[in-house]
């Protein structure tokens, strides 16, 4: 589903206060590298063809996205972009929570909840994608 094929994610705005702020170009380069690394790992999970497969791949994708989130949180964007970055990362954090609900529904064999949660997840990811694109983070746009 959407999260299983997702790439760049993250949340929160709490980056290490001791690290220097990056320029826009430095931030884009660093964040894009993080996103590409995790997107590749998530793509390698493949596309599940059953609810059991969705639950398994979804758990693995969520674990990868939490790690990606931590790596993105460690970056300090320019002060002028901090609010947008925080909003984007918070949006993806919400999508991770929705992904957890989707996995739970898949484990329970609840097709109706999987479908409705996947729809909600798609909406949340699109909002994060829009923000990523505005920041010039094309490698962090989550494909569904």
Protein backbone atom coordinates (compact mmCIF):
# COMPACT_ATOMS: atom_id res chain seq x y z
CA UNK A 1 0.00 0.00 0.00
CA UNK A 2 1.04 3.65 0.10
CA UNK A 3 3.31 3.51 3.11
CA UNK A 4 5.00 0.33 1.99
CA UNK A 5 6.11 2.12 -1.17
CA UNK A 6 6.79 5.35 0.63
CA UNK A 7 10.11 7.10 0.63
CA UNK A 8 10.97 10.24 2.48
CA UNK A 9 9.37 10.60 5.79
CA UNK A 10 10.01 12.26 9.01
CA UNK A 11 8.45 14.34 11.67
CA UNK A 12 8.91 16.88 14.34
CA UNK A 13 11.16 19.83 14.17
CA UNK A 14 13.50 18.91 16.94
CA UNK A 15 16.93 18.79 15.45
CA UNK A 16 20.14 18.78 17.37
CA UNK A 17 20.55 22.29 18.74
CA UNK A 18 24.34 21.90 18.80
CA UNK A 19 24.65 21.23 15.08
CA UNK A 20 25.07 24.23 12.79
CA UNK A 21 22.21 25.26 10.55
CA UNK A 22 22.63 24.22 6.97
CA UNK A 23 22.20 26.44 3.94
CA UNK A 24 19.26 25.62 1.68
CA UNK A 25 21.50 23.76 -0.77
CA UNK A 26 23.25 21.84 2.00
CA UNK A 27 19.93 20.87 3.54
CA UNK A 28 18.48 19.71 0.21
CA UNK A 29 21.61 17.67 -0.52
CA UNK A 30 21.68 16.06 2.94
CA UNK A 31 17.93 15.40 3.19
CA UNK A 32 17.81 14.04 -0.35
CA UNK A 33 20.61 11.59 0.43
CA UNK A 34 18.70 10.35 3.48
CA UNK A 35 15.51 9.99 1.46
CA UNK A 36 17.17 8.12 -1.41
CA UNK A 37 18.82 5.67 1.00
CA UNK A 38 15.56 4.77 2.73
CA UNK A 39 13.41 4.86 -0.40
CA UNK A 40 15.65 2.23 -1.96
CA UNK A 41 15.30 -0.04 1.06
CA UNK A 42 11.53 0.37 1.09
CA UNK A 43 11.25 -0.30 -2.65
CA UNK A 44 13.21 -3.52 -2.10
CA UNK A 45 10.39 -4.72 0.18
CA UNK A 46 8.25 -5.14 -2.92
CA UNK A 47 4.52 -4.76 -3.33
CA UNK A 48 2.49 -7.11 -1.17
CA UNK A 49 -0.30 -9.14 -2.76
CA UNK A 50 -2.12 -10.23 0.40
CA UNK A 51 -3.13 -8.85 3.77
CA UNK A 52 -0.45 -10.97 5.45
CA UNK A 53 2.12 -9.61 3.02
CA UNK A 54 0.89 -6.08 3.63
CA UNK A 55 1.22 -6.51 7.38
CA UNK A 56 4.74 -7.88 7.10
CA UNK A 57 6.02 -5.39 4.54
CA UNK A 58 4.20 -2.59 6.32
CA UNK A 59 5.95 -3.32 9.60
CA UNK A 60 9.31 -3.32 7.85
CA UNK A 61 8.51 -0.08 6.00
CA UNK A 62 7.39 1.60 9.21
CA UNK A 63 10.64 0.61 10.92
CA UNK A 64 12.64 2.07 8.03
CA UNK A 65 10.58 5.24 8.03
CA UNK A 66 11.11 5.75 11.75
CA UNK A 67 14.86 5.51 11.14
CA UNK A 68 14.58 7.90 8.23
CA UNK A 69 12.60 10.25 10.43
CA UNK A 70 15.36 10.26 13.04
CA UNK A 71 17.98 11.00 10.38
CA UNK A 72 15.93 13.89 8.98
CA UNK A 73 15.30 15.29 12.44
CA UNK A 74 19.03 15.44 13.01
CA UNK A 75 19.42 17.90 10.13
CA UNK A 76 19.08 21.62 10.83
CA UNK A 77 17.50 23.45 7.90
CA UNK A 78 17.94 27.18 7.42
CA UNK A 79 15.95 29.15 9.99
CA UNK A 80 13.83 30.59 7.18
CA UNK A 81 12.69 27.08 6.21
CA UNK A 82 12.37 25.53 9.67
CA UNK A 83 8.60 26.00 9.94
CA UNK A 84 7.94 24.39 6.54
CA UNK A 85 10.31 21.51 7.29
CA UNK A 86 8.67 20.96 10.67
CA UNK A 87 5.23 20.95 9.07
CA UNK A 88 6.36 18.45 6.44
CA UNK A 89 7.98 16.17 8.99
CA UNK A 90 5.00 16.39 11.35
CA UNK A 91 2.78 15.40 8.45
CA UNK A 92 4.84 12.35 7.74
CA UNK A 93 4.85 11.45 11.42
CA UNK A 94 1.07 11.45 11.25
CA UNK A 95 1.26 9.24 8.18
CA UNK A 96 3.46 6.79 10.08
CA UNK A 97 0.79 6.62 12.80
CA UNK A 98 -1.84 5.99 10.13
CA UNK A 99 0.43 3.34 8.62
CA UNK A 100 0.49 1.62 12.00
CA UNK A 101 -3.32 1.50 11.94
CA UNK A 102 -3.21 0.06 8.44
CA UNK A 103 -0.80 -2.69 9.53
CA UNK A 104 -2.99 -3.51 12.54
CA UNK A 105 -6.04 -3.78 10.27
CA UNK A 106 -4.12 -5.97 7.80
CA UNK A 107 -3.05 -8.31 10.63
CA UNK A 108 -6.69 -8.57 11.70
CA UNK A 109 -7.82 -9.29 8.14
CA UNK A 110 -10.06 -6.22 8.21
CA UNK A 111 -10.28 -5.35 4.52
CA UNK A 112 -12.69 -2.44 5.01
CA UNK A 113 -10.44 -0.72 7.54
CA UNK A 114 -7.37 -1.36 5.38
CA UNK A 115 -9.13 0.35 2.47
CA UNK A 116 -10.33 3.36 4.45
CA UNK A 117 -7.00 3.75 6.24
CA UNK A 118 -5.11 3.51 2.95
CA UNK A 119 -7.25 6.35 1.63
CA UNK A 120 -6.51 8.48 4.70
CA UNK A 121 -2.82 7.63 4.38
CA UNK A 122 -2.81 8.76 0.75
CA UNK A 123 -4.24 12.13 1.74
CA UNK A 124 -1.66 12.59 4.49
CA UNK A 125 1.23 11.63 2.22
CA UNK A 126 0.05 14.00 -0.49
CA UNK A 127 0.15 16.93 1.94
CA UNK A 128 3.71 15.99 2.96
CA UNK A 129 4.65 15.58 -0.72
CA UNK A 130 3.38 19.06 -1.52
CA UNK A 131 5.57 20.54 1.21
CA UNK A 132 8.60 18.49 0.16
CA UNK A 133 8.21 19.70 -3.41
CA UNK A 134 7.99 23.34 -2.29
CA UNK A 135 11.24 22.89 -0.36
CA UNK A 136 13.00 21.47 -3.41
CA UNK A 137 13.14 17.98 -1.90
CA UNK A 138 12.14 16.04 -5.01
CA UNK A 139 13.94 12.94 -3.73
CA UNK A 140 11.76 13.10 -0.62
CA UNK A 141 8.44 13.02 -2.44
CA UNK A 142 6.74 9.82 -1.39
CA UNK A 143 5.55 7.65 -4.24
CA UNK A 144 2.40 5.64 -3.71
